Amino acid sequence: MRRTKEDAEQTKLAILEAALDVFYERGVAKASLEEVARAASVTRGAVYWHFKNKIEIFEALHENLHTPFIEQILEGLEVEHPNPVEQLQRICTQLILRLEQDPQLRKAIQLFMFKCDYSGELAACKVRFNAKKRDKLRAFEAYFEKALHQQTLPLSADPRLLALSVNCFFRGVVSEYLDSPQEFQPGHDVPQMMQLFFNGILPPAGR
C-alpha cells in the first residue's frame, strides 16, 4: 500500500514537472492535457486521476512555487533577531540567489510573470494569486512592525508602505534578472543591490 502511494506521488510530481515544461513552451491557453500526458510519459487517464483539468494543474504549480517562498518568510518571523529589517534583507537576498541555482524555479517564475495571459479561464486564477500576494505583503509588513516594536525603525515609519516598497523592489530585481541574466553577476550584484535599497529604510544607527 505504501509503495502504491509513493508511486502515485511520483506520478503526480512527473505530471507537474511535465506541465511546467509544456506550459512554458506552449502557453497555458494553447497547451492540452494530451501534451502534458505525453511529456510525463503517462496516460491521459493518469493525469485526470490527479487533476480535474488544466487549470487545476496550473494552480498546483503556483502553489508549489508560492508555499516554500512564503514559508521561508514566515519562519523568519518566528526567530528572535536584533534587527528585523536586516533579517528581511538577508531573506530577500537568499530568495533571489536561489534563482541562479534552480533552473526549474526560474522557469516557474517566468511562466507566471511573463508567459500567461490572465484573461478568460485564467482570470479567476489571477484573483486567487493576488490573494496570496497579499499574504506576502502582510508577512513583509510584520517584519517592519517588529522593527517598530524593537525601536530599530523611527516611529514615523509606515509598515504597510515599507512592505509595498520591498515587494516592488524585490519583484523588479527578479523580473530584470530573468529578462536579462547576462547583465547580472548574482553573487555580487544581488547582495549589493539589496544593501543599497535597505540602506534607504534603516536609519544610520540601525544599520
N, C-alpha and C. Protein backbone atom coordinates (compact mmCIF):
# COMPACT_ATOMS: atom_id res chain seq x y z
N MET A 1 0.82 -1.21 0.00
CA MET A 1 0.00 0.00 0.00
C MET A 1 0.86 1.26 0.00
N ARG A 2 1.92 1.21 0.85
CA ARG A 2 2.81 2.36 0.92
C ARG A 2 3.50 2.60 -0.41
N ARG A 3 3.91 1.50 -1.08
CA ARG A 3 4.57 1.63 -2.37
C ARG A 3 3.64 2.24 -3.40
N THR A 4 2.36 1.82 -3.35
CA THR A 4 1.37 2.37 -4.28
C THR A 4 1.20 3.86 -4.08
N LYS A 5 1.17 4.29 -2.81
CA LYS A 5 1.05 5.73 -2.51
C LYS A 5 2.28 6.49 -3.00
N GLU A 6 3.45 5.91 -2.80
CA GLU A 6 4.68 6.56 -3.26
C GLU A 6 4.70 6.66 -4.79
N ASP A 7 4.24 5.60 -5.45
CA ASP A 7 4.18 5.63 -6.92
C ASP A 7 3.23 6.71 -7.40
N ALA A 8 2.09 6.85 -6.71
CA ALA A 8 1.11 7.88 -7.09
C ALA A 8 1.70 9.28 -6.93
N GLU A 9 2.47 9.48 -5.85
CA GLU A 9 3.08 10.79 -5.63
C GLU A 9 4.15 11.07 -6.68
N GLN A 10 4.90 10.04 -7.06
CA GLN A 10 5.91 10.21 -8.11
C GLN A 10 5.25 10.54 -9.45
N THR A 11 4.13 9.90 -9.73
CA THR A 11 3.40 10.19 -10.97
C THR A 11 2.88 11.63 -10.96
N LYS A 12 2.34 12.04 -9.84
CA LYS A 12 1.83 13.41 -9.73
C LYS A 12 2.96 14.42 -9.93
N LEU A 13 4.11 14.16 -9.33
CA LEU A 13 5.26 15.05 -9.49
C LEU A 13 5.71 15.09 -10.94
N ALA A 14 5.74 13.94 -11.61
CA ALA A 14 6.14 13.89 -13.02
C ALA A 14 5.18 14.68 -13.88
N ILE A 15 3.90 14.61 -13.57
CA ILE A 15 2.89 15.38 -14.33
C ILE A 15 3.12 16.87 -14.15
N LEU A 16 3.39 17.29 -12.94
CA LEU A 16 3.61 18.71 -12.68
C LEU A 16 4.88 19.21 -13.37
N GLU A 17 5.94 18.40 -13.33
CA GLU A 17 7.19 18.81 -13.99
C GLU A 17 6.98 18.90 -15.50
N ALA A 18 6.26 17.94 -16.05
CA ALA A 18 5.98 17.97 -17.48
C ALA A 18 5.09 19.14 -17.85
N ALA A 19 4.10 19.41 -17.00
CA ALA A 19 3.19 20.53 -17.27
C ALA A 19 3.93 21.85 -17.28
N LEU A 20 4.88 22.00 -16.38
CA LEU A 20 5.67 23.23 -16.36
C LEU A 20 6.38 23.42 -17.68
N ASP A 21 7.00 22.36 -18.19
CA ASP A 21 7.70 22.46 -19.48
C ASP A 21 6.73 22.77 -20.62
N VAL A 22 5.59 22.08 -20.65
CA VAL A 22 4.62 22.28 -21.73
C VAL A 22 4.01 23.67 -21.67
N PHE A 23 3.61 24.11 -20.48
CA PHE A 23 3.02 25.44 -20.34
C PHE A 23 4.03 26.52 -20.69
N TYR A 24 5.28 26.30 -20.31
CA TYR A 24 6.34 27.27 -20.59
C TYR A 24 6.56 27.41 -22.10
N GLU A 25 6.58 26.30 -22.80
CA GLU A 25 6.85 26.31 -24.24
C GLU A 25 5.62 26.70 -25.06
N ARG A 26 4.45 26.24 -24.65
CA ARG A 26 3.25 26.40 -25.47
C ARG A 26 2.31 27.49 -24.98
N GLY A 27 2.47 27.87 -23.70
CA GLY A 27 1.48 28.75 -23.10
C GLY A 27 0.35 27.91 -22.54
N VAL A 28 -0.25 28.37 -21.46
CA VAL A 28 -1.31 27.59 -20.81
C VAL A 28 -2.51 27.45 -21.73
N ALA A 29 -2.89 28.53 -22.38
CA ALA A 29 -4.10 28.52 -23.21
C ALA A 29 -3.99 27.51 -24.36
N LYS A 30 -2.81 27.40 -24.96
CA LYS A 30 -2.65 26.53 -26.14
C LYS A 30 -2.30 25.08 -25.77
N ALA A 31 -1.84 24.87 -24.57
CA ALA A 31 -1.42 23.52 -24.18
C ALA A 31 -2.63 22.64 -23.93
N SER A 32 -2.44 21.34 -24.12
CA SER A 32 -3.51 20.37 -23.87
C SER A 32 -3.05 19.35 -22.85
N LEU A 33 -4.02 18.70 -22.21
CA LEU A 33 -3.69 17.64 -21.26
C LEU A 33 -3.03 16.45 -21.96
N GLU A 34 -3.36 16.26 -23.22
CA GLU A 34 -2.72 15.19 -24.00
C GLU A 34 -1.23 15.46 -24.12
N GLU A 35 -0.86 16.71 -24.36
CA GLU A 35 0.56 17.06 -24.46
C GLU A 35 1.25 16.88 -23.11
N VAL A 36 0.57 17.24 -22.03
CA VAL A 36 1.14 17.06 -20.70
C VAL A 36 1.36 15.58 -20.42
N ALA A 37 0.38 14.76 -20.76
CA ALA A 37 0.49 13.32 -20.54
C ALA A 37 1.67 12.73 -21.31
N ARG A 38 1.81 13.12 -22.58
CA ARG A 38 2.92 12.62 -23.38
C ARG A 38 4.26 13.03 -22.79
N ALA A 39 4.36 14.29 -22.38
CA ALA A 39 5.61 14.79 -21.82
C ALA A 39 5.97 14.09 -20.52
N ALA A 40 4.95 13.68 -19.77
CA ALA A 40 5.17 13.00 -18.49
C ALA A 40 5.31 11.49 -18.65
N SER A 41 5.09 11.00 -19.89
CA SER A 41 5.14 9.55 -20.17
C SER A 41 4.11 8.79 -19.35
N VAL A 42 2.91 9.39 -19.24
CA VAL A 42 1.80 8.72 -18.56
C VAL A 42 0.57 8.79 -19.47
N THR A 43 -0.46 8.07 -19.10
CA THR A 43 -1.70 8.12 -19.87
C THR A 43 -2.49 9.37 -19.50
N ARG A 44 -3.40 9.74 -20.39
CA ARG A 44 -4.27 10.88 -20.07
C ARG A 44 -5.13 10.57 -18.85
N GLY A 45 -5.50 9.29 -18.71
CA GLY A 45 -6.26 8.90 -17.53
C GLY A 45 -5.51 9.14 -16.24
N ALA A 46 -4.20 8.92 -16.29
CA ALA A 46 -3.37 9.17 -15.09
C ALA A 46 -3.38 10.64 -14.72
N VAL A 47 -3.38 11.50 -15.75
CA VAL A 47 -3.45 12.94 -15.49
C VAL A 47 -4.77 13.27 -14.81
N TYR A 48 -5.87 12.74 -15.34
CA TYR A 48 -7.20 13.02 -14.78
C TYR A 48 -7.37 12.41 -13.39
N TRP A 49 -6.61 11.38 -13.08
CA TRP A 49 -6.69 10.79 -11.74
C TRP A 49 -6.22 11.80 -10.69
N HIS A 50 -5.22 12.60 -11.05
CA HIS A 50 -4.65 13.55 -10.10
C HIS A 50 -5.22 14.96 -10.22
N PHE A 51 -5.65 15.33 -11.42
CA PHE A 51 -6.11 16.70 -11.64
C PHE A 51 -7.39 16.70 -12.49
N LYS A 52 -8.32 17.56 -12.09
CA LYS A 52 -9.59 17.63 -12.82
C LYS A 52 -9.41 18.21 -14.21
N ASN A 53 -8.52 19.20 -14.33
CA ASN A 53 -8.37 19.91 -15.60
C ASN A 53 -7.05 20.67 -15.62
N LYS A 54 -6.83 21.37 -16.71
CA LYS A 54 -5.58 22.11 -16.91
C LYS A 54 -5.41 23.22 -15.87
N ILE A 55 -6.50 23.87 -15.50
CA ILE A 55 -6.42 24.96 -14.53
C ILE A 55 -5.98 24.45 -13.17
N GLU A 56 -6.44 23.28 -12.80
CA GLU A 56 -6.04 22.71 -11.52
C GLU A 56 -4.54 22.42 -11.51
N ILE A 57 -4.00 21.97 -12.63
CA ILE A 57 -2.55 21.76 -12.73
C ILE A 57 -1.82 23.10 -12.60
N PHE A 58 -2.31 24.10 -13.30
CA PHE A 58 -1.71 25.43 -13.28
C PHE A 58 -1.68 25.97 -11.85
N GLU A 59 -2.77 25.80 -11.13
CA GLU A 59 -2.82 26.31 -9.75
C GLU A 59 -1.91 25.49 -8.83
N ALA A 60 -1.78 24.20 -9.10
CA ALA A 60 -0.87 23.37 -8.29
C ALA A 60 0.58 23.82 -8.50
N LEU A 61 0.92 24.17 -9.72
CA LEU A 61 2.26 24.68 -9.99
C LEU A 61 2.51 25.97 -9.23
N HIS A 62 1.52 26.83 -9.20
CA HIS A 62 1.66 28.09 -8.46
C HIS A 62 1.80 27.82 -6.97
N GLU A 63 1.03 26.88 -6.46
CA GLU A 63 1.11 26.55 -5.04
C GLU A 63 2.50 26.02 -4.69
N ASN A 64 3.07 25.19 -5.57
CA ASN A 64 4.42 24.67 -5.34
C ASN A 64 5.47 25.78 -5.35
N LEU A 65 5.20 26.84 -6.10
CA LEU A 65 6.11 27.98 -6.14
C LEU A 65 5.92 28.87 -4.92
N HIS A 66 4.67 29.12 -4.56
CA HIS A 66 4.35 30.07 -3.51
C HIS A 66 4.66 29.54 -2.11
N THR A 67 4.33 28.28 -1.86
CA THR A 67 4.41 27.75 -0.49
C THR A 67 5.81 27.81 0.11
N PRO A 68 6.87 27.31 -0.57
CA PRO A 68 8.21 27.42 0.04
C PRO A 68 8.65 28.87 0.23
N PHE A 69 8.22 29.73 -0.68
CA PHE A 69 8.57 31.15 -0.61
C PHE A 69 7.99 31.79 0.64
N ILE A 70 6.68 31.64 0.84
CA ILE A 70 6.03 32.27 1.98
C ILE A 70 6.45 31.60 3.29
N GLU A 71 6.72 30.29 3.24
CA GLU A 71 7.15 29.60 4.46
C GLU A 71 8.49 30.13 4.95
N GLN A 72 9.41 30.40 4.03
CA GLN A 72 10.72 30.93 4.43
C GLN A 72 10.56 32.31 5.07
N ILE A 73 9.68 33.12 4.52
CA ILE A 73 9.45 34.45 5.08
C ILE A 73 8.82 34.35 6.46
N LEU A 74 7.82 33.48 6.61
CA LEU A 74 7.12 33.34 7.89
C LEU A 74 8.02 32.71 8.95
N GLU A 75 8.87 31.76 8.55
CA GLU A 75 9.78 31.14 9.51
C GLU A 75 10.71 32.17 10.14
N GLY A 76 11.12 33.16 9.33
CA GLY A 76 11.98 34.20 9.86
C GLY A 76 11.32 35.01 10.96
N LEU A 77 10.00 35.16 10.89
CA LEU A 77 9.28 35.92 11.90
C LEU A 77 9.28 35.22 13.26
N GLU A 78 9.47 33.91 13.24
CA GLU A 78 9.46 33.14 14.49
C GLU A 78 10.81 33.18 15.18
N VAL A 79 11.81 33.73 14.52
CA VAL A 79 13.16 33.79 15.08
C VAL A 79 13.41 35.16 15.70
N GLU A 80 13.90 35.17 16.92
CA GLU A 80 14.26 36.44 17.55
C GLU A 80 15.50 37.00 16.88
N HIS A 81 15.42 38.25 16.46
CA HIS A 81 16.54 38.89 15.77
C HIS A 81 16.65 40.33 16.25
N PRO A 82 17.88 40.81 16.48
CA PRO A 82 18.04 42.18 17.00
C PRO A 82 17.61 43.25 16.00
N ASN A 83 17.58 42.91 14.70
CA ASN A 83 17.19 43.89 13.69
C ASN A 83 16.35 43.20 12.62
N PRO A 84 15.03 43.21 12.77
CA PRO A 84 14.16 42.50 11.81
C PRO A 84 14.27 42.99 10.37
N VAL A 85 14.64 44.26 10.18
CA VAL A 85 14.77 44.77 8.81
C VAL A 85 15.99 44.15 8.14
N GLU A 86 17.10 44.08 8.85
CA GLU A 86 18.29 43.41 8.30
C GLU A 86 18.00 41.92 8.05
N GLN A 87 17.21 41.33 8.94
CA GLN A 87 16.81 39.94 8.76
C GLN A 87 16.01 39.76 7.46
N LEU A 88 15.07 40.66 7.21
CA LEU A 88 14.29 40.60 5.98
C LEU A 88 15.17 40.82 4.76
N GLN A 89 16.14 41.70 4.87
CA GLN A 89 17.08 41.93 3.77
C GLN A 89 17.81 40.65 3.40
N ARG A 90 18.29 39.92 4.40
CA ARG A 90 19.01 38.68 4.13
C ARG A 90 18.09 37.62 3.50
N ILE A 91 16.86 37.55 3.98
CA ILE A 91 15.93 36.57 3.44
C ILE A 91 15.62 36.89 1.97
N CYS A 92 15.36 38.15 1.66
CA CYS A 92 15.10 38.54 0.27
C CYS A 92 16.30 38.23 -0.62
N THR A 93 17.49 38.49 -0.11
CA THR A 93 18.70 38.21 -0.88
C THR A 93 18.82 36.71 -1.16
N GLN A 94 18.60 35.90 -0.14
CA GLN A 94 18.70 34.44 -0.31
C GLN A 94 17.67 33.93 -1.31
N LEU A 95 16.46 34.47 -1.25
CA LEU A 95 15.41 34.02 -2.16
C LEU A 95 15.77 34.30 -3.62
N ILE A 96 16.35 35.47 -3.87
CA ILE A 96 16.72 35.80 -5.25
C ILE A 96 17.93 34.99 -5.70
N LEU A 97 18.88 34.76 -4.81
CA LEU A 97 20.07 33.98 -5.19
C LEU A 97 19.71 32.54 -5.53
N ARG A 98 18.60 32.05 -5.01
CA ARG A 98 18.16 30.69 -5.37
C ARG A 98 17.89 30.56 -6.86
N LEU A 99 17.55 31.66 -7.52
CA LEU A 99 17.23 31.61 -8.94
C LEU A 99 18.41 31.11 -9.76
N GLU A 100 19.61 31.50 -9.35
CA GLU A 100 20.80 31.11 -10.11
C GLU A 100 21.04 29.60 -10.00
N GLN A 101 20.63 29.02 -8.90
CA GLN A 101 20.94 27.61 -8.63
C GLN A 101 19.82 26.66 -9.06
N ASP A 102 18.65 27.18 -9.37
CA ASP A 102 17.48 26.32 -9.60
C ASP A 102 16.79 26.68 -10.92
N PRO A 103 17.14 26.00 -12.01
CA PRO A 103 16.53 26.34 -13.31
C PRO A 103 15.02 26.10 -13.35
N GLN A 104 14.54 25.12 -12.60
CA GLN A 104 13.09 24.87 -12.57
C GLN A 104 12.36 26.02 -11.88
N LEU A 105 12.97 26.57 -10.86
CA LEU A 105 12.39 27.73 -10.19
C LEU A 105 12.34 28.92 -11.14
N ARG A 106 13.42 29.14 -11.88
CA ARG A 106 13.43 30.23 -12.86
C ARG A 106 12.31 30.04 -13.89
N LYS A 107 12.18 28.83 -14.37
CA LYS A 107 11.17 28.54 -15.39
C LYS A 107 9.76 28.79 -14.84
N ALA A 108 9.52 28.37 -13.59
CA ALA A 108 8.20 28.55 -12.99
C ALA A 108 7.86 30.03 -12.83
N ILE A 109 8.83 30.81 -12.35
CA ILE A 109 8.56 32.24 -12.17
C ILE A 109 8.35 32.93 -13.52
N GLN A 110 9.14 32.56 -14.50
CA GLN A 110 8.95 33.13 -15.83
C GLN A 110 7.56 32.79 -16.39
N LEU A 111 7.11 31.57 -16.14
CA LEU A 111 5.77 31.18 -16.60
C LEU A 111 4.73 32.11 -16.02
N PHE A 112 4.75 32.33 -14.72
CA PHE A 112 3.69 33.11 -14.09
C PHE A 112 3.86 34.61 -14.30
N MET A 113 5.10 35.08 -14.48
CA MET A 113 5.31 36.51 -14.65
C MET A 113 5.18 36.97 -16.10
N PHE A 114 5.67 36.16 -17.03
CA PHE A 114 5.82 36.64 -18.41
C PHE A 114 5.01 35.89 -19.46
N LYS A 115 4.62 34.66 -19.17
CA LYS A 115 4.10 33.81 -20.24
C LYS A 115 2.61 33.49 -20.10
N CYS A 116 1.90 34.26 -19.29
CA CYS A 116 0.49 34.00 -19.08
C CYS A 116 -0.35 35.22 -19.43
N ASP A 117 -1.42 34.97 -20.17
CA ASP A 117 -2.44 35.98 -20.41
C ASP A 117 -3.57 35.69 -19.43
N TYR A 118 -3.63 36.52 -18.37
CA TYR A 118 -4.60 36.26 -17.31
C TYR A 118 -5.99 36.79 -17.69
N SER A 119 -6.49 36.26 -18.76
CA SER A 119 -7.86 36.58 -19.18
C SER A 119 -8.58 35.26 -19.42
N GLY A 120 -9.87 35.33 -19.70
CA GLY A 120 -10.62 34.12 -19.95
C GLY A 120 -10.59 33.19 -18.75
N GLU A 121 -10.24 31.92 -18.99
CA GLU A 121 -10.27 30.93 -17.92
C GLU A 121 -9.20 31.15 -16.86
N LEU A 122 -8.19 31.96 -17.16
CA LEU A 122 -7.14 32.23 -16.18
C LEU A 122 -7.44 33.44 -15.29
N ALA A 123 -8.51 34.17 -15.59
CA ALA A 123 -8.82 35.38 -14.82
C ALA A 123 -9.07 35.05 -13.35
N ALA A 124 -9.78 33.97 -13.10
CA ALA A 124 -10.07 33.59 -11.71
C ALA A 124 -8.79 33.18 -10.99
N CYS A 125 -7.85 32.59 -11.72
CA CYS A 125 -6.55 32.23 -11.11
C CYS A 125 -5.84 33.49 -10.62
N LYS A 126 -5.88 34.53 -11.42
CA LYS A 126 -5.20 35.77 -11.06
C LYS A 126 -5.76 36.35 -9.77
N VAL A 127 -7.06 36.25 -9.60
CA VAL A 127 -7.69 36.73 -8.36
C VAL A 127 -7.13 35.97 -7.17
N ARG A 128 -7.04 34.65 -7.30
CA ARG A 128 -6.51 33.84 -6.20
C ARG A 128 -5.02 34.09 -5.98
N PHE A 129 -4.28 34.29 -7.06
CA PHE A 129 -2.85 34.57 -6.91
C PHE A 129 -2.63 35.91 -6.21
N ASN A 130 -3.47 36.88 -6.50
CA ASN A 130 -3.35 38.18 -5.86
C ASN A 130 -3.65 38.09 -4.36
N ALA A 131 -4.54 37.18 -3.98
CA ALA A 131 -4.80 36.97 -2.56
C ALA A 131 -3.55 36.44 -1.87
N LYS A 132 -2.83 35.56 -2.55
CA LYS A 132 -1.57 35.04 -2.00
C LYS A 132 -0.51 36.14 -1.93
N LYS A 133 -0.55 37.04 -2.89
CA LYS A 133 0.38 38.17 -2.86
C LYS A 133 0.13 39.03 -1.62
N ARG A 134 -1.13 39.18 -1.26
CA ARG A 134 -1.45 39.96 -0.06
C ARG A 134 -0.90 39.27 1.19
N ASP A 135 -0.89 37.94 1.19
CA ASP A 135 -0.27 37.22 2.32
C ASP A 135 1.21 37.57 2.41
N LYS A 136 1.88 37.65 1.27
CA LYS A 136 3.30 38.01 1.25
C LYS A 136 3.49 39.43 1.78
N LEU A 137 2.65 40.35 1.35
CA LEU A 137 2.76 41.73 1.80
C LEU A 137 2.56 41.83 3.31
N ARG A 138 1.60 41.08 3.84
CA ARG A 138 1.37 41.11 5.29
C ARG A 138 2.56 40.53 6.04
N ALA A 139 3.22 39.52 5.44
CA ALA A 139 4.41 38.96 6.09
C ALA A 139 5.54 39.98 6.10
N PHE A 140 5.76 40.65 4.97
CA PHE A 140 6.77 41.72 4.93
C PHE A 140 6.44 42.78 5.98
N GLU A 141 5.17 43.14 6.04
CA GLU A 141 4.74 44.19 6.97
C GLU A 141 5.05 43.79 8.42
N ALA A 142 4.92 42.51 8.72
CA ALA A 142 5.15 42.05 10.09
C ALA A 142 6.60 42.28 10.53
N TYR A 143 7.54 42.20 9.58
CA TYR A 143 8.94 42.48 9.92
C TYR A 143 9.10 43.94 10.34
N PHE A 144 8.44 44.83 9.65
CA PHE A 144 8.56 46.24 9.98
C PHE A 144 7.82 46.57 11.28
N GLU A 145 6.74 45.87 11.55
CA GLU A 145 6.05 46.06 12.83
C GLU A 145 6.92 45.60 13.98
N LYS A 146 7.64 44.48 13.77
CA LYS A 146 8.58 44.01 14.80
C LYS A 146 9.70 45.04 15.01
N ALA A 147 10.17 45.60 13.89
CA ALA A 147 11.25 46.60 14.00
C ALA A 147 10.77 47.83 14.76
N LEU A 148 9.55 48.26 14.54
CA LEU A 148 8.99 49.39 15.29
C LEU A 148 8.92 49.05 16.77
N HIS A 149 8.47 47.85 17.07
CA HIS A 149 8.34 47.42 18.46
C HIS A 149 9.71 47.38 19.13
N GLN A 150 10.74 46.99 18.37
CA GLN A 150 12.11 46.90 18.92
C GLN A 150 12.85 48.23 18.81
N GLN A 151 12.19 49.23 18.26
CA GLN A 151 12.74 50.58 18.14
C GLN A 151 13.99 50.64 17.26
N THR A 152 14.00 49.79 16.23
CA THR A 152 15.09 49.88 15.24
C THR A 152 14.63 50.62 13.99
N LEU A 153 13.39 51.09 14.01
CA LEU A 153 12.85 51.99 12.99
C LEU A 153 12.26 53.20 13.68
N PRO A 154 12.28 54.37 13.04
CA PRO A 154 11.64 55.53 13.64
C PRO A 154 10.13 55.33 13.75
N LEU A 155 9.52 55.95 14.74
CA LEU A 155 8.08 55.79 14.97
C LEU A 155 7.25 56.29 13.79
N SER A 156 7.84 57.15 12.97
CA SER A 156 7.11 57.69 11.81
C SER A 156 7.04 56.69 10.66
N ALA A 157 7.77 55.57 10.75
CA ALA A 157 7.79 54.58 9.66
C ALA A 157 6.41 53.97 9.47
N ASP A 158 6.06 53.72 8.23
CA ASP A 158 4.76 53.13 7.87
C ASP A 158 5.00 51.69 7.39
N PRO A 159 4.72 50.68 8.22
CA PRO A 159 4.99 49.28 7.84
C PRO A 159 4.31 48.86 6.53
N ARG A 160 3.10 49.32 6.31
CA ARG A 160 2.39 48.95 5.08
C ARG A 160 3.11 49.49 3.86
N LEU A 161 3.50 50.75 3.91
CA LEU A 161 4.18 51.37 2.77
C LEU A 161 5.56 50.76 2.56
N LEU A 162 6.26 50.46 3.64
CA LEU A 162 7.58 49.84 3.52
C LEU A 162 7.46 48.43 2.92
N ALA A 163 6.45 47.69 3.34
CA ALA A 163 6.24 46.34 2.79
C ALA A 163 5.95 46.41 1.30
N LEU A 164 5.13 47.35 0.89
CA LEU A 164 4.82 47.52 -0.53
C LEU A 164 6.07 47.89 -1.31
N SER A 165 6.91 48.74 -0.73
CA SER A 165 8.15 49.15 -1.40
C SER A 165 9.10 47.97 -1.57
N VAL A 166 9.25 47.15 -0.54
CA VAL A 166 10.10 45.97 -0.63
C VAL A 166 9.59 45.04 -1.72
N ASN A 167 8.28 44.83 -1.74
CA ASN A 167 7.71 43.94 -2.75
C ASN A 167 7.98 44.44 -4.17
N CYS A 168 7.82 45.74 -4.38
CA CYS A 168 8.06 46.31 -5.71
C CYS A 168 9.52 46.16 -6.12
N PHE A 169 10.43 46.44 -5.18
CA PHE A 169 11.85 46.32 -5.49
C PHE A 169 12.23 44.86 -5.74
N PHE A 170 11.76 43.98 -4.86
CA PHE A 170 12.05 42.56 -4.98
C PHE A 170 11.56 42.03 -6.33
N ARG A 171 10.33 42.34 -6.67
CA ARG A 171 9.76 41.88 -7.94
C ARG A 171 10.54 42.46 -9.12
N GLY A 172 10.96 43.71 -9.00
CA GLY A 172 11.72 44.33 -10.08
C GLY A 172 13.06 43.67 -10.32
N VAL A 173 13.77 43.33 -9.24
CA VAL A 173 15.06 42.66 -9.38
C VAL A 173 14.87 41.28 -10.02
N VAL A 174 13.87 40.55 -9.54
CA VAL A 174 13.59 39.21 -10.11
C VAL A 174 13.26 39.33 -11.59
N SER A 175 12.41 40.28 -11.93
CA SER A 175 12.00 40.46 -13.32
C SER A 175 13.18 40.79 -14.21
N GLU A 176 14.03 41.70 -13.78
CA GLU A 176 15.18 42.10 -14.59
C GLU A 176 16.20 40.96 -14.72
N TYR A 177 16.39 40.22 -13.62
CA TYR A 177 17.34 39.11 -13.67
C TYR A 177 16.85 38.04 -14.66
N LEU A 178 15.57 37.73 -14.62
CA LEU A 178 15.03 36.71 -15.52
C LEU A 178 15.00 37.19 -16.96
N ASP A 179 14.80 38.48 -17.16
CA ASP A 179 14.73 39.02 -18.51
C ASP A 179 16.12 39.22 -19.12
N SER A 180 17.09 39.62 -18.29
CA SER A 180 18.44 39.91 -18.81
C SER A 180 19.51 39.35 -17.88
N PRO A 181 19.57 38.02 -17.74
CA PRO A 181 20.53 37.43 -16.81
C PRO A 181 21.98 37.75 -17.14
N GLN A 182 22.26 38.05 -18.42
CA GLN A 182 23.63 38.34 -18.81
C GLN A 182 24.15 39.64 -18.18
N GLU A 183 23.25 40.47 -17.70
CA GLU A 183 23.64 41.74 -17.09
C GLU A 183 24.02 41.58 -15.61
N PHE A 184 23.77 40.42 -15.04
CA PHE A 184 23.94 40.22 -13.61
C PHE A 184 25.11 39.31 -13.29
N GLN A 185 25.78 39.65 -12.20
CA GLN A 185 26.67 38.73 -11.51
C GLN A 185 25.99 38.48 -10.16
N PRO A 186 25.05 37.53 -10.11
CA PRO A 186 24.14 37.42 -8.97
C PRO A 186 24.81 37.40 -7.60
N GLY A 187 25.87 36.62 -7.46
CA GLY A 187 26.51 36.51 -6.16
C GLY A 187 27.06 37.83 -5.65
N HIS A 188 27.43 38.70 -6.56
CA HIS A 188 27.95 40.03 -6.19
C HIS A 188 26.85 41.08 -6.23
N ASP A 189 26.11 41.11 -7.32
CA ASP A 189 25.18 42.22 -7.56
C ASP A 189 23.96 42.20 -6.65
N VAL A 190 23.37 41.03 -6.45
CA VAL A 190 22.12 40.98 -5.68
C VAL A 190 22.32 41.43 -4.23
N PRO A 191 23.33 40.93 -3.50
CA PRO A 191 23.53 41.45 -2.14
C PRO A 191 23.79 42.96 -2.11
N GLN A 192 24.57 43.45 -3.10
CA GLN A 192 24.86 44.88 -3.14
C GLN A 192 23.59 45.70 -3.41
N MET A 193 22.77 45.23 -4.34
CA MET A 193 21.52 45.94 -4.65
C MET A 193 20.58 45.96 -3.45
N MET A 194 20.48 44.83 -2.78
CA MET A 194 19.63 44.77 -1.59
C MET A 194 20.15 45.70 -0.50
N GLN A 195 21.48 45.75 -0.36
CA GLN A 195 22.07 46.64 0.64
C GLN A 195 21.74 48.09 0.34
N LEU A 196 21.87 48.47 -0.93
CA LEU A 196 21.55 49.84 -1.32
C LEU A 196 20.09 50.18 -1.01
N PHE A 197 19.20 49.26 -1.33
CA PHE A 197 17.78 49.51 -1.10
C PHE A 197 17.46 49.61 0.39
N PHE A 198 17.91 48.63 1.16
CA PHE A 198 17.56 48.61 2.58
C PHE A 198 18.28 49.70 3.37
N ASN A 199 19.41 50.20 2.85
CA ASN A 199 20.06 51.35 3.50
C ASN A 199 19.13 52.56 3.51
N GLY A 200 18.25 52.63 2.53
CA GLY A 200 17.29 53.73 2.47
C GLY A 200 16.16 53.58 3.46
N ILE A 201 16.01 52.40 4.04
CA ILE A 201 14.94 52.16 5.02
C ILE A 201 15.44 52.35 6.44
N LEU A 202 16.61 51.76 6.73
CA LEU A 202 17.12 51.83 8.09
C LEU A 202 17.77 53.17 8.38
N PRO A 203 17.50 53.75 9.54
CA PRO A 203 18.23 54.95 9.94
C PRO A 203 19.69 54.60 10.20
N PRO A 204 20.61 55.58 10.13
CA PRO A 204 22.04 55.29 10.29
C PRO A 204 22.37 54.45 11.51
N ALA A 205 21.73 54.71 12.63
CA ALA A 205 22.04 53.97 13.86
C ALA A 205 21.57 52.53 13.79
N GLY A 206 20.62 52.23 12.86
CA GLY A 206 20.08 50.89 12.79
C GLY A 206 20.78 50.01 11.80
N ARG A 207 21.76 50.56 11.07
CA ARG A 207 22.46 49.77 10.06
C ARG A 207 23.53 48.89 10.68
